[in-house]
Protein backbone atom coordinates (compact mmCIF):
# COMPACT_ATOMS: atom_id res chain seq x y z
CA UNK A 1 102.68 85.13 66.04
CA UNK A 2 103.55 86.33 69.57
CA UNK A 3 99.89 86.62 70.41
CA UNK A 4 99.19 83.07 69.19
CA UNK A 5 102.04 81.61 71.24
CA UNK A 6 100.90 83.64 74.27
CA UNK A 7 97.39 82.32 73.76
CA UNK A 8 98.55 78.65 73.77
CA UNK A 9 100.62 79.30 76.86
CA UNK A 10 97.68 81.02 78.62
CA UNK A 11 95.31 78.14 77.90
CA UNK A 12 97.81 75.50 79.08
CA UNK A 13 98.76 77.39 82.22
CA UNK A 14 95.16 78.10 83.16
CA UNK A 15 94.27 74.41 82.72
CA UNK A 16 97.18 73.54 84.94
CA UNK A 17 96.13 75.98 87.67
CA UNK A 18 92.50 74.87 87.69
CA UNK A 19 93.64 71.20 87.80
CA UNK A 20 95.99 71.82 90.74
CA UNK A 21 93.35 73.75 92.56
CA UNK A 22 90.75 71.00 92.11
CA UNK A 23 93.19 68.28 93.28
CA UNK A 24 94.21 70.33 96.34
CA UNK A 25 90.63 70.97 97.42
CA UNK A 26 89.72 67.35 96.81
CA UNK A 27 92.67 66.12 98.91
CA UNK A 28 91.79 68.55 101.71
CA UNK A 29 88.15 67.34 101.75
CA UNK A 30 89.22 63.73 101.87
CA UNK A 31 91.72 64.41 104.67
CA UNK A 32 89.15 66.25 106.78
CA UNK A 33 86.11 63.97 106.37
CA UNK A 34 87.75 60.55 106.23
CA UNK A 35 90.92 61.02 108.32
CA UNK A 36 89.91 63.87 110.59
CA UNK A 37 92.99 65.88 109.78
CA UNK A 38 94.04 68.73 107.54
CA UNK A 39 96.98 70.60 106.10
CA UNK A 40 97.36 74.37 106.64
CA UNK A 41 99.65 74.68 103.61
CA UNK A 42 96.93 73.26 101.32
CA UNK A 43 94.56 76.11 102.22
CA UNK A 44 97.17 78.78 101.67
CA UNK A 45 98.41 77.24 98.48
CA UNK A 46 94.87 76.90 97.11
CA UNK A 47 94.11 80.55 97.80
CA UNK A 48 97.37 81.50 96.09
CA UNK A 49 96.62 79.40 93.03
CA UNK A 50 93.11 80.88 92.89
CA UNK A 51 94.66 84.39 92.84
CA UNK A 52 97.01 83.36 90.08
CA UNK A 53 94.12 81.85 88.10
CA UNK A 54 92.04 85.04 88.31
CA UNK A 55 94.83 87.52 87.63
CA UNK A 56 96.44 85.41 84.97
CA UNK A 57 93.12 84.67 83.30
CA UNK A 58 91.83 88.22 83.01
CA UNK A 59 93.96 88.93 79.95
CA UNK A 60 92.70 85.67 78.37
CA UNK A 61 89.17 86.85 79.13
CA UNK A 62 89.77 89.97 77.10
CA UNK A 63 91.03 87.86 74.18
CA UNK A 64 88.03 85.52 74.09
CA UNK A 65 85.40 88.06 75.14
CA UNK A 66 84.60 86.31 78.45
CA UNK A 67 84.21 89.50 80.51
CA UNK A 68 80.74 90.90 81.22
CA UNK A 69 79.98 94.43 80.01
CA UNK A 70 77.18 96.77 79.08
CA UNK A 71 77.28 97.84 75.44
CA UNK A 72 73.63 98.56 74.71
CA UNK A 73 74.30 102.29 74.19
CA UNK A 74 77.46 101.75 72.10
CA UNK A 75 75.66 99.43 69.70
CA UNK A 76 73.24 102.25 68.83
CA UNK A 77 76.08 104.54 67.67
CA UNK A 78 77.15 105.02 64.04
CA UNK A 79 80.58 103.63 63.05
CA UNK A 80 82.49 106.91 63.63
CA UNK A 81 81.30 107.62 67.23
CA UNK A 82 81.43 103.96 68.03
CA UNK A 83 85.11 103.75 67.05
CA UNK A 84 85.88 106.88 69.03
CA UNK A 85 84.14 105.42 72.09
CA UNK A 86 86.09 102.15 71.75
CA UNK A 87 89.36 104.08 71.45
CA UNK A 88 88.58 106.03 74.60
CA UNK A 89 87.54 102.90 76.46
CA UNK A 90 90.77 101.14 75.52
CA UNK A 91 92.84 104.16 76.65
CA UNK A 92 90.98 104.19 79.98
CA UNK A 93 91.71 100.52 80.43
CA UNK A 94 95.36 101.09 79.68
CA UNK A 95 95.56 103.91 82.28
CA UNK A 96 93.90 101.54 84.71
CA UNK A 97 96.52 98.86 84.01
CA UNK A 98 99.42 101.29 84.35
CA UNK A 99 98.12 102.43 87.72
CA UNK A 100 97.92 98.83 88.96
CA UNK A 101 101.37 98.06 87.55
CA UNK A 102 102.86 101.01 89.41
CA UNK A 103 101.05 100.09 92.58
CA UNK A 104 101.99 96.38 92.25
CA UNK A 105 105.67 97.29 91.69
CA UNK A 106 105.73 99.48 94.83
CA UNK A 107 103.93 96.86 96.92
CA UNK A 108 106.13 93.96 95.78
CA UNK A 109 109.22 96.11 96.25
CA UNK A 110 108.30 96.72 99.85
CA UNK A 111 107.53 93.04 100.43
CA UNK A 112 110.94 92.22 98.93
CA UNK A 113 112.88 94.72 101.00
CA UNK A 114 111.24 93.61 104.26
CA UNK A 115 111.40 89.92 103.35
CA UNK A 116 107.86 89.01 104.37
CA UNK A 117 107.31 85.22 104.14
CA UNK A 118 104.21 83.17 103.54
CA UNK A 119 102.74 81.60 106.68
CA UNK A 120 102.56 77.87 105.91
CA UNK A 121 104.44 77.17 102.63
CA UNK A 122 108.17 76.40 102.72
CA UNK A 123 110.76 75.46 100.22
CA UNK A 124 112.31 72.01 100.69
CA UNK A 125 115.16 72.26 103.22
CA UNK A 126 117.40 70.06 101.01
CA UNK A 127 116.96 72.48 98.14
CA UNK A 128 117.87 75.58 100.19
CA UNK A 129 120.81 73.78 101.79
CA UNK A 130 122.40 73.37 98.32
CA UNK A 131 122.26 77.14 97.72
CA UNK A 132 124.63 79.83 98.94
CA UNK A 133 123.16 81.34 102.17
CA UNK A 134 124.12 84.88 101.13
CA UNK A 135 122.36 84.42 97.80
CA UNK A 136 119.19 82.98 99.32
CA UNK A 137 118.69 86.00 101.58
CA UNK A 138 120.42 88.88 99.80
CA UNK A 139 118.85 88.04 96.43
CA UNK A 140 115.79 85.90 97.05
CA UNK A 141 114.89 87.03 100.54
CA UNK A 142 114.68 83.39 101.77
CA UNK A 143 115.80 82.62 105.29
CA UNK A 144 118.17 79.60 105.09
CA UNK A 145 117.11 78.45 108.58
CA UNK A 146 113.40 78.87 107.97
CA UNK A 147 112.96 78.66 104.16
CA UNK A 148 109.44 79.97 103.89
CA UNK A 149 108.37 81.11 100.40
CA UNK A 150 108.70 84.89 100.22
CA UNK A 151 105.49 86.79 99.71
CA UNK A 152 106.96 88.75 96.77
CA UNK A 153 107.29 85.47 94.85
CA UNK A 154 103.77 84.26 95.48
CA UNK A 155 102.25 87.59 94.70
CA UNK A 156 104.40 88.36 91.68
CA UNK A 157 101.31 87.46 89.66
CA UNK A 158 100.22 91.09 90.26
CA UNK A 159 102.93 92.27 87.87
CA UNK A 160 102.66 89.31 85.54
CA UNK A 161 98.86 89.44 85.27
CA UNK A 162 98.57 93.20 84.68
CA UNK A 163 101.50 93.17 82.28
CA UNK A 164 99.63 90.61 80.16
CA UNK A 165 96.40 92.52 80.51
CA UNK A 166 98.24 95.64 79.31
CA UNK A 167 99.51 93.78 76.28
CA UNK A 168 95.96 92.62 75.43
CA UNK A 169 94.60 96.17 75.63
CA UNK A 170 97.45 97.49 73.47
CA UNK A 171 96.60 94.78 70.85
CA UNK A 172 92.94 95.81 71.06
CA UNK A 173 93.79 99.49 70.82
CA UNK A 174 95.87 98.96 67.66
CA UNK A 175 93.14 96.74 66.15
CA UNK A 176 90.56 99.45 66.70
CA UNK A 177 92.72 102.09 65.07
CA UNK A 178 93.34 99.73 62.05
CA UNK A 179 89.56 99.02 61.79
CA UNK A 180 90.29 95.34 62.55
CA UNK A 181 87.98 95.49 65.58
CA UNK A 182 84.93 97.51 66.45
CA UNK A 183 85.79 97.48 70.20
CA UNK A 184 85.45 95.20 73.18
CA UNK A 185 83.69 91.86 72.82
CA UNK A 186 81.64 90.92 75.91
CA UNK A 187 80.09 87.79 77.19
CA UNK A 188 76.33 87.85 76.48
CA UNK A 189 74.62 86.14 79.46
CA UNK A 190 71.16 86.90 78.14
CA UNK A 191 71.90 85.30 74.76
CA UNK A 192 73.43 82.26 76.43
CA UNK A 193 70.45 81.92 78.77
CA UNK A 194 68.00 82.08 75.84
CA UNK A 195 70.09 79.46 74.05
CA UNK A 196 69.86 77.14 77.08
CA UNK A 197 66.10 77.72 77.35
CA UNK A 198 65.66 76.89 73.66
CA UNK A 199 67.73 73.77 74.02
CA UNK A 200 65.72 72.68 77.08
CA UNK A 201 62.45 73.38 75.25
CA UNK A 202 63.54 71.34 72.25
CA UNK A 203 64.52 68.48 74.55
CA UNK A 204 61.15 68.49 76.28
CA UNK A 205 59.34 68.58 72.91
CA UNK A 206 61.31 65.61 71.69
CA UNK A 207 60.55 63.68 74.85
CA UNK A 208 56.84 64.50 74.58
CA UNK A 209 56.60 63.18 71.04
CA UNK A 210 55.30 59.55 70.88
C-alpha cells in the first residue's frame, strides 16, 4: 500500500518537475531571442529542478526497471547462484545509499550551519516580512534583509532522493529473499532498438505494397 502511494506521488511529482523545467527553458529562449534579455534566476532554478528530477527519479527508475545494467552473466546462472548474486548486489546498493546519505547529511549540515544562500533565487520579501526575524535566521538560515533561498533547502533532494532509493532497494532485497523477484530489472536498449527497427521495416513494407 505504501509502495503504491509512493509510486503515484513519484509519477505526479516527476511530471510536475519536467513540466516546470520545460516551461522555464521555453520562457528563457523566448526572452533571449525575441526580447534580447534574460533572467539569471531562471538558469539557476532550471539547474536545481534538473537536479531534483534526476535524484528524485532514480528510485522510480529502480521500480520500473529504467536503469541500464549488464546482466548477461547473471542470466546464465542457475536459480540458486542467481539469487545469491542478486542478494549481494542489493546489499552493495544499500551500502552505497548509506554512504551517500551520511555524506549528504554532513554536507547539508555544514551548509545549514554556515547559512550559504543560492545566488539568484530569493523568497518574496513580503513573505519573509511576515515571519519572525529570529526564526527566519536561527531556524531557516534566511537573512531577513536579503532573503535568498538557503542552499540547504535547494539541495535537500540529496537526502530525499537517496532515502527513497534506499527504500526501493530494501523492497527489492526483501522481494528477492521471499522469491518474489529474481533480482534487478534493467532497461534493454538492444531489445528496444530491434523493436524500433522491426516497426520501421513493417512500415516500409506496408508503404511499398500497391
